[in-house]
Amino acid sequence: MFYDFSVQSQSPIDYSQSLVASSILASDFSQLETEIRRVSNAGSDWIHCDVMDGHFVDNISFGPTFVRAVSEHASLPLDTHLMIDRPDHYLERFLPFCNSIISHVEAHHDVAQTLSRVRHANRLAGLALNPETPLERVIPYFGMFDILLVMTVHPGFGGQAFIPATLEKIQQANQLREKKAASFHIAVDGGIDPQTAPLCRSAGANVFVAGTAIFKASNMQTAIQSIRQ
């Protein structure tokens, strides 16, 4: 089931609302439909797909066929994070199934053109940056993206520990958003759980990508509520 996000992509982003994006990477792939239903019923706002190519990051996860399978069972917005070296080359293979697509500023592509193509398809365009990448790298693209994803771990593997030093970058992004009167979500991804989410929220984040803390929790609904609230 494809969730129509086209109307929201034309409207100002409401970043006052806290959203939880549950990373399907931490789910049981052998029970995909059940896992999607379970996380949806538990109150997740988005479903997050981490696509890895073994080049941009040292891991391989899944590709467009898997994302399509997720979309066929999902009633929630599908947020896809392309941790791949050439997001521009593979973009068209993901666009039909996703509501938002996030590419990396460090990847090998024309960043402005990739963001434009995503928006032209009436999807939310996201731009991600790794922990070691300074915020200055994304400033030239302000106004071109709807989601700024600050990686709070080094991308490639789930279950990593949160990097506290990334909080300063979240604060800087929030300050720049206010200074430039810009409208975009600030998302965080990596080591997000009920303990680290409040720190990120205080710094200015409003979208919380979490996998292990949700799918491995004894009570998924409580875990999602704790991360959001």
Protein backbone atom coordinates (compact mmCIF):
# COMPACT_ATOMS: atom_id res chain seq x y z
CA MET A 1 0.00 0.00 0.00
CA PHE A 2 1.61 3.28 -1.10
CA TYR A 3 1.09 6.18 1.29
CA ASP A 4 0.48 9.39 -0.69
CA PHE A 5 2.97 11.98 0.53
CA SER A 6 2.68 14.33 -2.45
CA VAL A 7 0.46 16.88 -0.69
CA GLN A 8 2.80 17.19 2.28
CA SER A 9 5.82 17.63 -0.01
CA GLN A 10 4.27 20.84 -1.33
CA SER A 11 3.56 22.27 2.13
CA PRO A 12 5.85 23.85 4.77
CA ILE A 13 7.45 21.24 7.01
CA ASP A 14 6.02 21.09 10.53
CA TYR A 15 9.16 20.32 12.51
CA SER A 16 7.52 21.02 15.87
CA GLN A 17 6.14 17.47 15.84
CA SER A 18 8.30 14.58 17.04
CA LEU A 19 8.25 11.61 14.67
CA VAL A 20 9.61 8.10 15.08
CA ALA A 21 10.94 6.32 11.99
CA SER A 22 11.37 2.63 12.73
CA SER A 23 14.30 1.09 10.87
CA ILE A 24 13.24 -2.13 9.20
CA LEU A 25 16.90 -3.21 9.12
CA ALA A 26 16.53 -4.38 12.72
CA SER A 27 13.41 -6.44 12.01
CA ASP A 28 13.06 -10.16 11.33
CA PHE A 29 13.19 -10.30 7.52
CA SER A 30 11.68 -13.79 7.52
CA GLN A 31 8.53 -12.28 9.06
CA LEU A 32 8.50 -9.02 7.11
CA GLU A 33 4.74 -8.52 6.81
CA THR A 34 4.21 -9.36 10.47
CA GLU A 35 7.02 -7.02 11.55
CA ILE A 36 5.60 -4.14 9.50
CA ARG A 37 2.15 -4.69 10.96
CA ARG A 38 3.59 -4.97 14.46
CA VAL A 39 5.54 -1.69 14.29
CA SER A 40 2.63 0.09 12.63
CA ASN A 41 0.22 -1.00 15.36
CA ALA A 42 2.75 0.03 18.00
CA GLY A 43 2.54 3.65 16.86
CA SER A 44 5.49 4.25 14.56
CA ASP A 45 5.13 7.35 12.36
CA TRP A 46 7.36 6.27 9.47
CA ILE A 47 9.10 3.10 8.32
CA HIS A 48 12.76 3.65 7.54
CA CYS A 49 14.72 1.57 4.99
CA ASP A 50 18.53 1.57 5.15
CA VAL A 51 19.92 0.77 1.70
CA MET A 52 23.65 -0.10 1.69
CA ASP A 53 25.76 -0.98 -1.32
CA GLY A 54 29.02 -2.32 0.14
CA HIS A 55 30.93 0.61 -1.40
CA PHE A 56 29.79 3.80 0.30
CA VAL A 57 29.56 1.81 3.54
CA ASP A 58 31.19 -1.49 4.43
CA ASN A 59 27.99 -3.48 4.46
CA ILE A 60 25.28 -4.68 2.09
CA SER A 61 21.67 -4.62 3.23
CA PHE A 62 18.98 -4.71 0.52
CA GLY A 63 17.90 -3.02 -2.68
CA PRO A 64 14.81 -1.77 -4.51
CA THR A 65 13.10 -5.17 -4.67
CA PHE A 66 13.08 -5.40 -0.88
CA VAL A 67 11.92 -1.78 -0.52
CA ARG A 68 9.08 -2.53 -2.91
CA ALA A 69 8.10 -5.52 -0.75
CA VAL A 70 8.04 -3.28 2.31
CA SER A 71 5.85 -0.75 0.49
CA GLU A 72 3.35 -3.44 -0.44
CA HIS A 73 2.70 -4.19 3.23
CA ALA A 74 3.13 -0.71 4.71
CA SER A 75 0.39 1.82 5.39
CA LEU A 76 2.88 4.29 6.89
CA PRO A 77 5.15 6.71 5.00
CA LEU A 78 8.24 4.93 3.71
CA ASP A 79 11.48 6.80 4.36
CA THR A 80 14.46 5.42 2.42
CA HIS A 81 18.07 6.25 3.30
CA LEU A 82 20.43 5.59 0.39
CA MET A 83 23.84 4.82 1.86
CA ILE A 84 25.17 4.19 -1.61
CA ASP A 85 27.94 5.67 -3.73
CA ARG A 86 25.73 6.66 -6.70
CA PRO A 87 22.26 7.60 -5.47
CA ASP A 88 21.61 9.47 -8.71
CA HIS A 89 22.08 6.30 -10.76
CA TYR A 90 19.67 4.19 -8.67
CA LEU A 91 17.17 6.88 -7.75
CA GLU A 92 14.49 5.94 -10.28
CA ARG A 93 14.43 2.38 -8.95
CA PHE A 94 13.33 3.58 -5.51
CA LEU A 95 11.11 6.58 -6.27
CA PRO A 96 7.93 4.60 -7.10
CA PHE A 97 7.86 2.99 -3.63
CA CYS A 98 9.11 5.72 -1.28
CA ASN A 99 7.65 8.81 0.31
CA SER A 100 11.00 10.36 1.17
CA ILE A 101 14.49 9.60 -0.11
CA ILE A 102 17.66 10.63 1.69
CA SER A 103 21.02 10.69 -0.06
CA HIS A 104 24.45 11.55 1.35
CA VAL A 105 26.33 14.77 0.73
CA GLU A 106 29.56 12.69 0.71
CA ALA A 107 28.39 10.36 -2.09
CA HIS A 108 29.51 10.75 -5.72
CA HIS A 109 26.66 12.64 -7.38
CA ASP A 110 25.39 16.09 -8.23
CA VAL A 111 23.72 16.73 -4.88
CA ALA A 112 21.52 19.60 -6.04
CA GLN A 113 20.30 17.63 -9.04
CA THR A 114 19.49 14.54 -6.96
CA LEU A 115 17.50 16.60 -4.47
CA SER A 116 15.66 18.31 -7.32
CA ARG A 117 14.74 15.00 -8.93
CA VAL A 118 13.29 13.70 -5.67
CA ARG A 119 11.19 16.82 -5.18
CA HIS A 120 10.11 16.80 -8.81
CA ALA A 121 8.65 13.34 -8.14
CA ASN A 122 6.60 14.84 -5.27
CA ARG A 123 8.64 13.08 -2.61
CA LEU A 124 10.41 14.60 0.37
CA ALA A 125 14.10 15.11 -0.40
CA GLY A 126 16.60 14.39 2.33
CA LEU A 127 20.31 15.05 2.73
CA ALA A 128 22.48 13.13 5.18
CA LEU A 129 25.93 13.78 6.57
CA ASN A 130 28.27 11.49 8.47
CA PRO A 131 29.62 12.21 11.97
CA GLU A 132 32.97 13.47 10.67
CA THR A 133 31.45 15.70 7.98
CA PRO A 134 31.13 19.38 8.98
CA LEU A 135 27.74 21.02 8.70
CA GLU A 136 29.22 23.53 6.26
CA ARG A 137 29.06 20.85 3.56
CA VAL A 138 25.25 21.01 3.45
CA ILE A 139 24.78 24.78 3.79
CA PRO A 140 24.92 25.36 -0.02
CA TYR A 141 21.84 23.13 -0.33
CA PHE A 142 19.62 24.89 2.20
CA GLY A 143 16.20 25.34 0.64
CA MET A 144 16.67 22.24 -1.54
CA PHE A 145 15.92 19.55 1.05
CA ASP A 146 13.03 18.67 3.37
CA ILE A 147 14.98 16.43 5.75
CA LEU A 148 18.47 16.91 7.13
CA LEU A 149 19.70 13.60 8.53
CA VAL A 150 22.53 13.89 11.04
CA MET A 151 24.21 10.52 11.44
CA THR A 152 24.90 9.92 15.11
CA VAL A 153 26.99 6.81 14.40
CA HIS A 154 29.27 5.86 11.53
CA PRO A 155 26.90 4.44 8.88
CA GLY A 156 26.93 0.81 7.83
CA PHE A 157 25.87 -1.29 10.80
CA GLY A 158 22.97 -1.25 13.25
CA GLY A 159 23.29 -1.47 17.02
CA GLN A 160 26.18 1.00 17.35
CA ALA A 161 26.67 3.33 20.32
CA PHE A 162 25.51 6.93 20.00
CA ILE A 163 28.27 9.50 19.40
CA PRO A 164 27.67 12.40 21.86
CA ALA A 165 29.84 14.81 19.84
CA THR A 166 27.16 14.88 17.12
CA LEU A 167 24.85 16.84 19.42
CA GLU A 168 26.76 20.02 18.63
CA LYS A 169 26.07 19.52 14.92
CA ILE A 170 22.35 19.09 15.60
CA GLN A 171 22.38 22.33 17.58
CA GLN A 172 24.19 24.13 14.77
CA ALA A 173 21.68 22.83 12.22
CA ASN A 174 18.79 24.01 14.37
CA GLN A 175 20.34 27.46 14.78
CA LEU A 176 20.93 27.78 11.05
CA ARG A 177 17.39 26.65 10.31
CA GLU A 178 16.07 29.44 12.52
CA LYS A 179 18.53 32.02 11.18
CA LYS A 180 17.65 31.27 7.57
CA ALA A 181 13.92 30.84 8.34
CA ALA A 182 14.20 27.46 6.62
CA SER A 183 11.65 24.65 6.83
CA PHE A 184 12.97 21.10 7.15
CA HIS A 185 13.03 18.17 9.53
CA ILE A 186 16.20 17.47 11.48
CA ALA A 187 16.49 13.70 11.74
CA VAL A 188 18.96 11.64 13.74
CA ASP A 189 20.03 8.08 13.03
CA GLY A 190 22.27 5.79 15.05
CA GLY A 191 22.13 4.67 18.66
CA ILE A 192 18.75 6.33 19.15
CA ASP A 193 16.85 5.00 22.15
CA PRO A 194 14.82 6.37 25.10
CA GLN A 195 18.04 7.68 26.67
CA THR A 196 19.61 9.43 23.66
CA ALA A 197 16.43 10.72 21.97
CA PRO A 198 15.80 13.42 24.61
CA LEU A 199 19.35 14.72 24.14
CA CYS A 200 18.79 15.00 20.39
CA ARG A 201 15.38 16.59 20.88
CA SER A 202 16.86 19.22 23.19
CA ALA A 203 19.47 19.96 20.52
CA GLY A 204 16.77 20.50 17.87
CA ALA A 205 16.01 17.13 16.25
CA ASN A 206 12.42 16.08 15.61
CA VAL A 207 12.68 12.84 13.60
CA PHE A 208 14.17 9.87 15.41
CA VAL A 209 15.34 6.87 13.41
CA ALA A 210 15.59 3.80 15.62
CA GLY A 211 15.92 0.12 14.87
CA THR A 212 17.34 -2.05 17.63
CA ALA A 213 15.68 0.00 20.39
CA ILE A 214 12.28 -0.68 18.80
CA PHE A 215 12.36 -4.11 17.15
CA LYS A 216 14.34 -5.74 19.98
CA ALA A 217 12.33 -4.09 22.77
CA SER A 218 10.21 -6.24 25.07
CA ASN A 219 7.37 -3.76 24.57
CA MET A 220 7.53 -2.06 21.17
CA GLN A 221 4.74 0.43 21.86
CA THR A 222 6.40 1.63 25.06
CA ALA A 223 9.74 1.94 23.28
CA ILE A 224 8.25 4.09 20.51
CA GLN A 225 6.38 6.29 22.99
CA SER A 226 9.53 6.74 25.09
CA ILE A 227 11.59 7.79 22.06
CA ARG A 228 8.91 10.19 20.83
CA GLN A 229 8.00 11.74 24.21
